[in-house]
N, C-alpha and C. Protein backbone atom coordinates (compact mmCIF):
# COMPACT_ATOMS: atom_id res chain seq x y z
N MET A 1 58.65 102.89 87.88
CA MET A 1 59.85 102.92 87.41
C MET A 1 60.54 101.92 88.08
N LYS A 2 61.48 101.30 87.24
CA LYS A 2 61.98 100.04 88.06
C LYS A 2 62.99 100.98 88.10
N ALA A 3 63.94 99.92 89.65
CA ALA A 3 64.67 100.74 90.22
C ALA A 3 66.37 100.02 89.59
N SER A 4 67.57 101.32 88.92
CA SER A 4 68.72 100.78 88.15
C SER A 4 69.32 100.14 89.22
N ARG A 5 70.04 99.67 88.77
CA ARG A 5 70.83 98.76 89.55
C ARG A 5 72.36 99.64 89.11
N VAL A 6 72.87 100.12 90.42
CA VAL A 6 74.27 100.86 90.28
C VAL A 6 75.37 100.72 91.12
N TYR A 7 76.57 100.65 91.04
CA TYR A 7 77.80 100.30 91.20
C TYR A 7 77.90 101.84 91.91
N LEU A 8 78.67 101.51 93.26
CA LEU A 8 79.01 102.39 93.83
C LEU A 8 80.35 102.74 93.97
N GLU A 9 80.74 103.45 92.85
CA GLU A 9 82.95 104.07 93.45
C GLU A 9 83.07 104.15 94.87
N THR A 10 84.30 104.23 94.83
CA THR A 10 85.15 104.37 96.32
C THR A 10 84.93 105.74 96.73
N THR A 11 84.75 107.22 95.59
CA THR A 11 84.76 108.31 96.27
C THR A 11 83.54 108.26 96.51
N LEU A 12 82.63 108.01 96.36
CA LEU A 12 81.11 108.16 97.27
C LEU A 12 81.29 108.20 98.52
N PHE A 13 81.88 107.25 98.94
CA PHE A 13 82.28 106.97 100.35
C PHE A 13 82.85 108.19 101.03
N ASN A 14 83.56 108.31 100.65
CA ASN A 14 84.74 109.83 100.97
C ASN A 14 83.40 110.62 100.74
N PHE A 15 82.81 111.42 100.30
CA PHE A 15 82.04 112.26 99.94
C PHE A 15 80.88 112.22 100.50
N TYR A 16 80.54 111.34 101.02
CA TYR A 16 79.22 111.26 101.87
C TYR A 16 79.60 111.84 103.23
N PHE A 17 81.14 111.42 104.00
CA PHE A 17 81.63 112.35 105.05
C PHE A 17 82.26 114.13 104.71
N ASP A 18 82.45 114.23 103.77
CA ASP A 18 83.28 115.22 103.54
C ASP A 18 82.58 116.54 103.13
N GLU A 19 82.21 117.45 104.10
CA GLU A 19 81.17 118.14 104.21
C GLU A 19 81.53 119.79 103.50
N ASP A 20 83.19 119.27 103.45
CA ASP A 20 83.77 120.69 102.72
C ASP A 20 83.14 120.94 101.08
N ARG A 21 82.87 119.83 100.55
CA ARG A 21 82.80 119.05 99.19
C ARG A 21 81.36 120.28 98.82
N GLY A 22 80.53 120.44 99.69
CA GLY A 22 79.42 121.52 99.17
C GLY A 22 78.39 121.01 98.76
N PHE A 23 78.02 121.61 97.46
CA PHE A 23 76.90 120.60 96.55
C PHE A 23 77.16 119.27 96.36
N ALA A 24 78.48 118.96 96.12
CA ALA A 24 79.12 117.39 95.70
C ALA A 24 78.47 116.24 96.86
N HIS A 25 79.15 117.06 97.79
CA HIS A 25 78.31 116.50 99.34
C HIS A 25 77.20 116.33 99.04
N ALA A 26 76.72 117.05 99.25
CA ALA A 26 75.13 117.19 99.33
C ALA A 26 74.72 116.13 98.35
N SER A 27 74.65 116.12 97.14
CA SER A 27 74.52 115.84 96.14
C SER A 27 74.55 114.21 96.20
N THR A 28 75.81 113.36 97.09
CA THR A 28 76.07 112.22 97.46
C THR A 28 75.25 111.90 98.63
N ILE A 29 74.60 113.08 99.56
CA ILE A 29 73.93 112.55 100.45
C ILE A 29 72.67 111.95 99.97
N LYS A 30 72.11 112.63 99.24
CA LYS A 30 70.85 112.17 98.47
C LYS A 30 70.57 111.31 97.70
N LEU A 31 71.53 110.58 97.02
CA LEU A 31 71.79 109.71 96.18
C LEU A 31 71.40 108.50 97.30
N PHE A 32 72.59 108.60 98.46
CA PHE A 32 72.16 107.54 99.67
C PHE A 32 70.70 107.68 100.19
N ASP A 33 70.35 108.70 100.28
CA ASP A 33 68.71 108.48 100.41
C ASP A 33 67.91 108.24 99.47
N GLU A 34 68.49 108.54 98.11
CA GLU A 34 67.56 107.63 96.96
C GLU A 34 67.48 105.91 96.79
N ILE A 35 68.80 105.44 97.81
CA ILE A 35 69.11 104.21 97.87
C ILE A 35 68.24 103.68 99.03
N ALA A 36 67.84 104.45 100.33
CA ALA A 36 67.26 103.64 100.92
C ALA A 36 65.70 103.93 100.73
N ALA A 37 65.01 104.99 100.03
CA ALA A 37 63.79 105.00 99.05
C ALA A 37 63.62 103.61 98.43
N GLY A 38 64.78 103.33 97.77
CA GLY A 38 64.26 101.99 96.59
C GLY A 38 64.63 102.31 95.50
N ASN A 39 65.31 104.09 94.78
CA ASN A 39 65.20 104.14 93.85
C ASN A 39 66.16 103.42 92.88
N PHE A 40 67.06 103.39 93.86
CA PHE A 40 68.05 102.48 93.03
C PHE A 40 68.54 101.19 93.99
N ILE A 41 69.47 100.17 93.36
CA ILE A 41 69.80 98.72 93.84
C ILE A 41 71.18 99.34 94.26
N ALA A 42 71.92 99.37 95.17
CA ALA A 42 73.26 99.58 95.38
C ALA A 42 73.89 98.43 95.13
N TYR A 43 75.27 98.51 94.73
CA TYR A 43 76.44 97.21 94.70
C TYR A 43 77.49 98.12 95.13
N THR A 44 78.53 97.29 95.40
CA THR A 44 79.77 98.10 95.51
C THR A 44 80.86 96.86 94.94
N SER A 45 81.75 97.03 95.59
CA SER A 45 83.07 95.80 95.25
C SER A 45 84.06 95.79 96.61
N ALA A 46 84.75 94.07 96.26
CA ALA A 46 85.51 94.41 97.27
C ALA A 46 86.64 94.51 97.33
N VAL A 47 87.22 95.45 95.99
CA VAL A 47 87.84 96.33 95.46
C VAL A 47 87.84 97.74 96.05
N VAL A 48 86.70 98.25 96.31
CA VAL A 48 86.12 99.24 97.17
C VAL A 48 86.35 99.37 98.12
N VAL A 49 85.91 98.13 99.25
CA VAL A 49 86.41 97.43 100.40
C VAL A 49 87.95 97.94 101.23
N GLU A 50 88.78 97.42 99.87
CA GLU A 50 89.98 97.43 100.17
C GLU A 50 90.63 98.94 100.18
N GLU A 51 89.84 99.40 99.34
CA GLU A 51 90.27 101.07 99.13
C GLU A 51 90.20 101.78 100.41
N LEU A 52 88.62 101.60 100.69
CA LEU A 52 88.29 102.04 101.61
C LEU A 52 89.35 101.60 103.42
N MET A 53 89.73 100.35 102.97
CA MET A 53 90.63 100.30 104.32
C MET A 53 91.98 100.85 104.52
N LYS A 54 92.07 101.85 103.48
CA LYS A 54 93.58 102.23 103.68
C LYS A 54 93.11 104.22 104.37
N ALA A 55 92.04 104.21 104.62
CA ALA A 55 91.48 105.04 105.35
C ALA A 55 92.02 104.97 106.99
N PRO A 56 92.39 106.14 107.58
CA PRO A 56 92.49 105.97 108.88
C PRO A 56 91.22 105.32 109.66
N SER A 57 91.38 104.29 110.28
CA SER A 57 90.39 103.37 111.07
C SER A 57 89.40 104.02 111.27
N GLU A 58 89.26 105.50 112.18
CA GLU A 58 87.82 106.06 112.45
C GLU A 58 87.49 106.12 111.05
N LYS A 59 87.73 106.69 110.24
CA LYS A 59 87.06 106.78 108.67
C LYS A 59 86.80 105.98 108.27
N TYR A 60 87.28 105.01 107.93
CA TYR A 60 87.47 103.47 107.65
C TYR A 60 86.03 103.20 108.31
N GLU A 61 85.83 103.15 109.66
CA GLU A 61 84.62 102.53 110.39
C GLU A 61 83.37 103.32 109.66
N LYS A 62 83.67 104.78 109.51
CA LYS A 62 82.12 105.47 109.18
C LYS A 62 81.93 104.89 107.81
N MET A 63 83.22 104.78 106.99
CA MET A 63 82.58 104.73 105.62
C MET A 63 81.98 103.32 105.37
N SER A 64 82.85 102.20 105.82
CA SER A 64 81.99 100.75 105.93
C SER A 64 80.77 100.65 106.29
N ASN A 65 80.33 101.38 107.38
CA ASN A 65 79.20 101.08 108.02
C ASN A 65 77.88 101.39 107.06
N LEU A 66 78.36 102.70 105.87
CA LEU A 66 77.57 102.80 104.96
C LEU A 66 77.15 101.56 104.52
N ILE A 67 77.65 100.91 104.14
CA ILE A 67 77.74 99.14 103.46
C ILE A 67 76.18 98.45 104.19
N GLN A 68 76.83 98.15 105.02
CA GLN A 68 75.36 97.46 105.98
C GLN A 68 74.09 98.47 105.79
N LYS A 69 74.72 99.98 106.45
CA LYS A 69 73.52 100.50 106.80
C LYS A 69 72.06 100.50 105.24
N TYR A 70 72.72 100.89 104.22
CA TYR A 70 72.16 101.37 103.19
C TYR A 70 71.87 99.76 102.05
N GLY A 71 72.59 98.48 102.86
CA GLY A 71 71.80 97.03 101.95
C GLY A 71 73.01 96.92 100.82
N ILE A 72 73.92 97.42 100.64
CA ILE A 72 74.58 98.01 99.69
C ILE A 72 75.29 96.42 99.31
N THR A 73 75.27 95.47 98.29
CA THR A 73 75.79 94.31 97.88
C THR A 73 77.29 94.41 97.57
N ILE A 74 77.91 93.61 98.10
CA ILE A 74 79.11 93.95 97.66
C ILE A 74 79.62 92.40 96.87
N LEU A 75 79.86 93.26 95.96
CA LEU A 75 80.61 91.96 94.45
C LEU A 75 82.29 91.35 94.76
N ALA A 76 82.13 90.40 94.33
CA ALA A 76 83.53 90.00 94.96
C ALA A 76 84.39 90.51 93.21
N PHE A 77 86.14 90.37 93.72
CA PHE A 77 86.71 90.35 92.97
C PHE A 77 86.90 89.46 91.37
N THR A 78 86.86 89.27 90.23
CA THR A 78 86.59 88.38 89.20
C THR A 78 87.86 88.74 88.17
N GLU A 79 88.65 87.50 87.79
CA GLU A 79 89.51 87.28 86.97
C GLU A 79 88.60 87.87 85.49
N GLU A 80 87.78 87.71 85.37
CA GLU A 80 86.86 87.83 84.06
C GLU A 80 86.70 89.53 84.36
N ALA A 81 86.13 90.58 85.04
CA ALA A 81 86.77 91.58 85.55
C ALA A 81 88.20 92.42 85.51
N ASP A 82 88.98 91.43 86.02
CA ASP A 82 90.62 91.78 85.94
C ASP A 82 90.91 91.84 84.35
N ARG A 83 90.32 90.80 83.56
CA ARG A 83 90.92 90.69 82.29
C ARG A 83 90.43 91.95 81.50
N LEU A 84 89.11 92.85 81.52
CA LEU A 84 88.59 93.56 80.99
C LEU A 84 88.97 94.75 81.20
N ALA A 85 89.67 95.08 82.54
CA ALA A 85 90.28 96.02 83.03
C ALA A 85 91.73 96.22 82.60
N ASP A 86 92.06 95.19 82.31
CA ASP A 86 93.56 94.87 81.63
C ASP A 86 93.40 95.80 80.40
N VAL A 87 92.53 95.24 79.40
CA VAL A 87 91.72 95.99 78.22
C VAL A 87 91.67 97.17 78.09
N TYR A 88 91.28 97.61 79.47
CA TYR A 88 91.04 99.23 79.56
C TYR A 88 92.42 100.17 79.28
N VAL A 89 93.37 99.26 80.32
CA VAL A 89 94.66 100.24 80.39
C VAL A 89 95.43 99.65 79.08
N ALA A 90 95.33 98.44 78.49
CA ALA A 90 96.10 98.24 77.22
C ALA A 90 95.71 99.45 76.04
N GLU A 91 94.58 99.66 76.18
CA GLU A 91 93.63 100.45 74.98
C GLU A 91 94.18 101.93 75.22
N GLY A 92 94.88 102.46 76.31
CA GLY A 92 94.95 103.79 76.52
C GLY A 92 94.00 104.66 77.33
N ILE A 93 92.66 103.86 77.79
CA ILE A 93 91.68 104.48 78.48
C ILE A 93 91.68 104.48 79.98
N ILE A 94 92.77 103.79 80.58
CA ILE A 94 92.79 103.88 82.22
C ILE A 94 94.26 103.70 81.97
N PRO A 95 95.10 104.89 82.72
CA PRO A 95 96.51 104.60 83.29
C PRO A 95 96.68 103.30 83.62
N GLN A 96 97.99 102.76 83.55
CA GLN A 96 98.40 101.66 84.29
C GLN A 96 98.42 101.80 85.83
N LYS A 97 98.95 103.11 86.09
CA LYS A 97 98.67 103.19 87.44
C LYS A 97 97.65 103.93 88.14
N PHE A 98 96.70 103.48 87.14
CA PHE A 98 94.98 103.60 88.10
C PHE A 98 94.29 102.59 87.80
N HIS A 99 94.67 100.86 87.23
CA HIS A 99 93.93 100.11 87.15
C HIS A 99 92.84 99.47 87.83
N THR A 100 93.29 100.28 88.98
CA THR A 100 91.90 100.31 89.69
C THR A 100 90.57 100.71 89.10
N ASP A 101 90.53 102.03 88.58
CA ASP A 101 89.61 102.69 88.03
C ASP A 101 89.31 101.59 86.85
N GLY A 102 89.95 101.23 86.29
CA GLY A 102 89.37 100.30 85.06
C GLY A 102 88.59 98.88 85.69
N LEU A 103 89.03 98.84 87.12
CA LEU A 103 88.55 97.23 87.72
C LEU A 103 87.31 97.92 88.17
N HIS A 104 87.01 99.24 88.64
CA HIS A 104 85.37 99.48 89.03
C HIS A 104 84.40 99.32 87.78
N ILE A 105 85.08 99.89 86.97
CA ILE A 105 83.69 100.27 85.58
C ILE A 105 84.27 98.44 84.90
N ALA A 106 85.15 97.77 84.69
CA ALA A 106 84.71 96.31 84.79
C ALA A 106 84.02 95.13 85.59
N LEU A 107 84.01 95.82 86.63
CA LEU A 107 82.94 94.82 87.50
C LEU A 107 81.39 94.92 87.37
N ALA A 108 81.43 96.61 87.35
CA ALA A 108 80.27 96.94 87.17
C ALA A 108 79.56 96.13 85.62
N THR A 109 80.59 96.38 84.88
CA THR A 109 80.09 95.64 82.88
C THR A 109 79.54 94.05 83.51
N VAL A 110 80.79 93.55 84.15
CA VAL A 110 80.71 92.18 84.19
C VAL A 110 79.33 91.65 84.88
N ASN A 111 79.00 92.48 85.80
CA ASN A 111 77.93 91.91 86.47
C ASN A 111 76.66 92.86 86.20
N ASP A 112 76.45 93.32 84.98
CA ASP A 112 75.65 93.47 84.14
C ASP A 112 74.98 94.28 84.67
N LEU A 113 75.56 95.38 85.92
CA LEU A 113 74.63 96.59 86.30
C LEU A 113 74.32 97.48 85.50
N ASP A 114 73.66 98.79 85.88
CA ASP A 114 73.20 99.86 84.96
C ASP A 114 74.23 100.83 84.27
N MET A 115 74.49 101.06 85.73
CA MET A 115 75.15 102.32 85.62
C MET A 115 76.72 102.19 86.69
N ILE A 116 77.66 103.09 86.82
CA ILE A 116 78.66 103.17 87.49
C ILE A 116 78.14 104.92 87.89
N ILE A 117 78.14 104.94 89.31
CA ILE A 117 78.14 106.49 90.18
C ILE A 117 79.60 107.10 90.83
N SER A 118 79.84 107.66 90.25
CA SER A 118 81.22 108.09 91.00
C SER A 118 81.25 109.49 90.67
N MET A 119 82.56 110.18 91.75
CA MET A 119 82.85 111.41 91.52
C MET A 119 83.92 111.33 91.20
N ASN A 120 85.27 110.47 90.66
CA ASN A 120 86.43 110.73 90.33
C ASN A 120 85.91 111.22 88.64
N PHE A 121 86.48 112.18 88.07
CA PHE A 121 86.38 112.93 86.84
C PHE A 121 87.96 112.97 85.96
N ARG A 122 89.02 111.91 87.07
CA ARG A 122 90.03 112.16 86.37
C ARG A 122 89.74 110.97 85.19
N HIS A 123 89.71 109.62 85.54
CA HIS A 123 89.47 108.49 85.10
C HIS A 123 87.91 108.19 84.52
N ILE A 124 87.29 108.29 85.43
CA ILE A 124 85.91 107.25 84.79
C ILE A 124 84.59 107.82 84.73
N VAL A 125 84.24 109.44 85.55
CA VAL A 125 83.10 110.10 84.92
C VAL A 125 84.04 111.18 83.95
N LYS A 126 84.43 110.93 82.88
CA LYS A 126 84.59 111.29 82.20
C LYS A 126 84.27 111.18 80.57
N ARG A 127 84.21 111.82 79.41
CA ARG A 127 83.17 111.18 77.97
C ARG A 127 84.27 110.27 77.35
N LYS A 128 85.43 110.89 77.16
CA LYS A 128 86.68 109.66 76.73
C LYS A 128 86.20 108.06 77.57
N THR A 129 86.71 108.21 79.18
CA THR A 129 86.07 107.10 79.33
C THR A 129 84.98 106.49 78.97
N ILE A 130 83.81 106.97 79.00
CA ILE A 130 82.86 106.69 78.79
C ILE A 130 82.21 105.74 77.23
N LEU A 131 82.42 106.89 76.26
CA LEU A 131 82.89 106.29 74.96
C LEU A 131 83.64 104.70 75.08
N ALA A 132 84.96 105.19 75.22
CA ALA A 132 86.44 103.94 74.81
C ALA A 132 85.94 102.81 75.55
N THR A 133 85.41 102.15 76.45
CA THR A 133 84.97 101.43 77.75
C THR A 133 83.76 100.63 77.02
N GLY A 134 82.74 101.51 76.43
CA GLY A 134 81.70 101.36 75.76
C GLY A 134 81.62 100.77 74.37
N LYS A 135 82.43 100.89 73.93
CA LYS A 135 82.92 100.22 72.66
C LYS A 135 83.26 99.25 72.83
N ILE A 136 84.73 99.25 73.85
CA ILE A 136 85.83 97.82 74.30
C ILE A 136 84.67 96.97 74.89
N ASN A 137 83.65 97.33 75.96
CA ASN A 137 82.63 96.30 76.45
C ASN A 137 81.52 95.72 75.65
N ASN A 138 81.20 96.41 73.87
CA ASN A 138 80.52 96.05 72.98
C ASN A 138 81.67 94.80 72.38
N LEU A 139 82.58 95.21 72.01
CA LEU A 139 83.72 94.24 71.29
C LEU A 139 83.69 92.92 71.99
N ASN A 140 83.49 92.60 73.38
CA ASN A 140 84.14 91.95 74.21
C ASN A 140 82.63 91.28 74.65
N GLY A 141 81.68 91.30 74.01
CA GLY A 141 80.39 90.94 74.21
C GLY A 141 79.64 91.41 75.59
N TYR A 142 79.91 92.62 76.42
CA TYR A 142 78.92 92.98 77.26
C TYR A 142 78.33 94.50 76.43
N ARG A 143 77.53 94.95 77.53
CA ARG A 143 76.87 96.37 76.85
C ARG A 143 77.53 97.53 77.69
N ALA A 144 77.54 98.31 76.86
CA ALA A 144 78.17 99.59 77.73
C ALA A 144 77.27 100.21 78.96
N ILE A 145 78.37 100.58 79.76
CA ILE A 145 78.03 100.93 81.05
C ILE A 145 77.63 102.09 81.39
N GLU A 146 76.39 102.64 81.69
CA GLU A 146 76.43 104.16 82.02
C GLU A 146 77.18 104.74 82.79
N ILE A 147 77.89 105.97 82.44
CA ILE A 147 78.62 106.52 83.90
C ILE A 147 78.44 107.59 84.54
N TYR A 148 77.90 107.96 85.75
CA TYR A 148 77.17 109.48 86.28
C TYR A 148 78.07 109.71 87.36
N SER A 149 77.98 111.02 87.86
CA SER A 149 77.96 111.78 88.79
C SER A 149 76.77 111.51 89.70
N PRO A 150 76.94 111.49 91.10
CA PRO A 150 75.89 112.08 91.64
C PRO A 150 74.54 112.95 90.85
N MET A 151 74.81 113.94 90.84
CA MET A 151 74.23 115.35 90.42
C MET A 151 73.42 114.85 89.52
N GLU A 152 74.09 113.84 88.61
CA GLU A 152 73.28 113.81 87.23
C GLU A 152 72.34 112.59 87.38
N VAL A 153 72.17 112.11 88.47
CA VAL A 153 70.98 110.80 88.91
C VAL A 153 70.11 111.33 89.79
N ILE A 154 70.23 112.03 90.53
CA ILE A 154 69.43 112.23 91.95
C ILE A 154 68.54 112.93 91.92
N GLU A 155 67.46 113.19 91.97
CA GLU A 155 65.89 113.58 91.44
C GLU A 155 65.77 114.84 92.48
N ASP A 156 65.91 116.23 91.21
CA ASP A 156 65.35 117.28 91.97
C ASP A 156 64.21 118.07 92.21
N GLU A 157 63.91 118.49 93.17
CA GLU A 157 62.96 118.75 93.91
C GLU A 157 62.02 119.66 93.07
N ASN A 158 62.88 120.49 92.23
CA ASN A 158 62.39 121.37 91.50
C ASN A 158 62.18 120.99 90.09
N ASP A 159 62.52 119.73 89.33
CA ASP A 159 61.98 119.25 88.31
C ASP A 159 60.51 118.92 88.61
């Protein structure tokens, strides 16, 4: 089976180190293990790196080291993605205050990735967002992007 090309949103880098998150933390670790095993080809973006830089320096170092450790490709910010994110905001899918969340979806879309993996259930991993961004993407010449949490995509040993 061909490895899916996935966009890792900012929350995953936080959940990797947040042991208080229980199953969500364990699922995030498992996702990174599957990236290392070649089950996924991982991407993130300069936008994520900017968000990570807001963390205290020690935490930033640990989170940013994951990018190198797992061979994650960093996608550049593009005007094309910014315009698409603006449409998500204008259509009321993503609040203006959280434009960056729309930018994550748009960057994965314009780079023709298979899916976004996130733990952001307020604005990204949400049925309304998935359906509405898919429709907007199609209207703008892109395909709908799949959006999941790590728990939905990792392999379960019991399956």
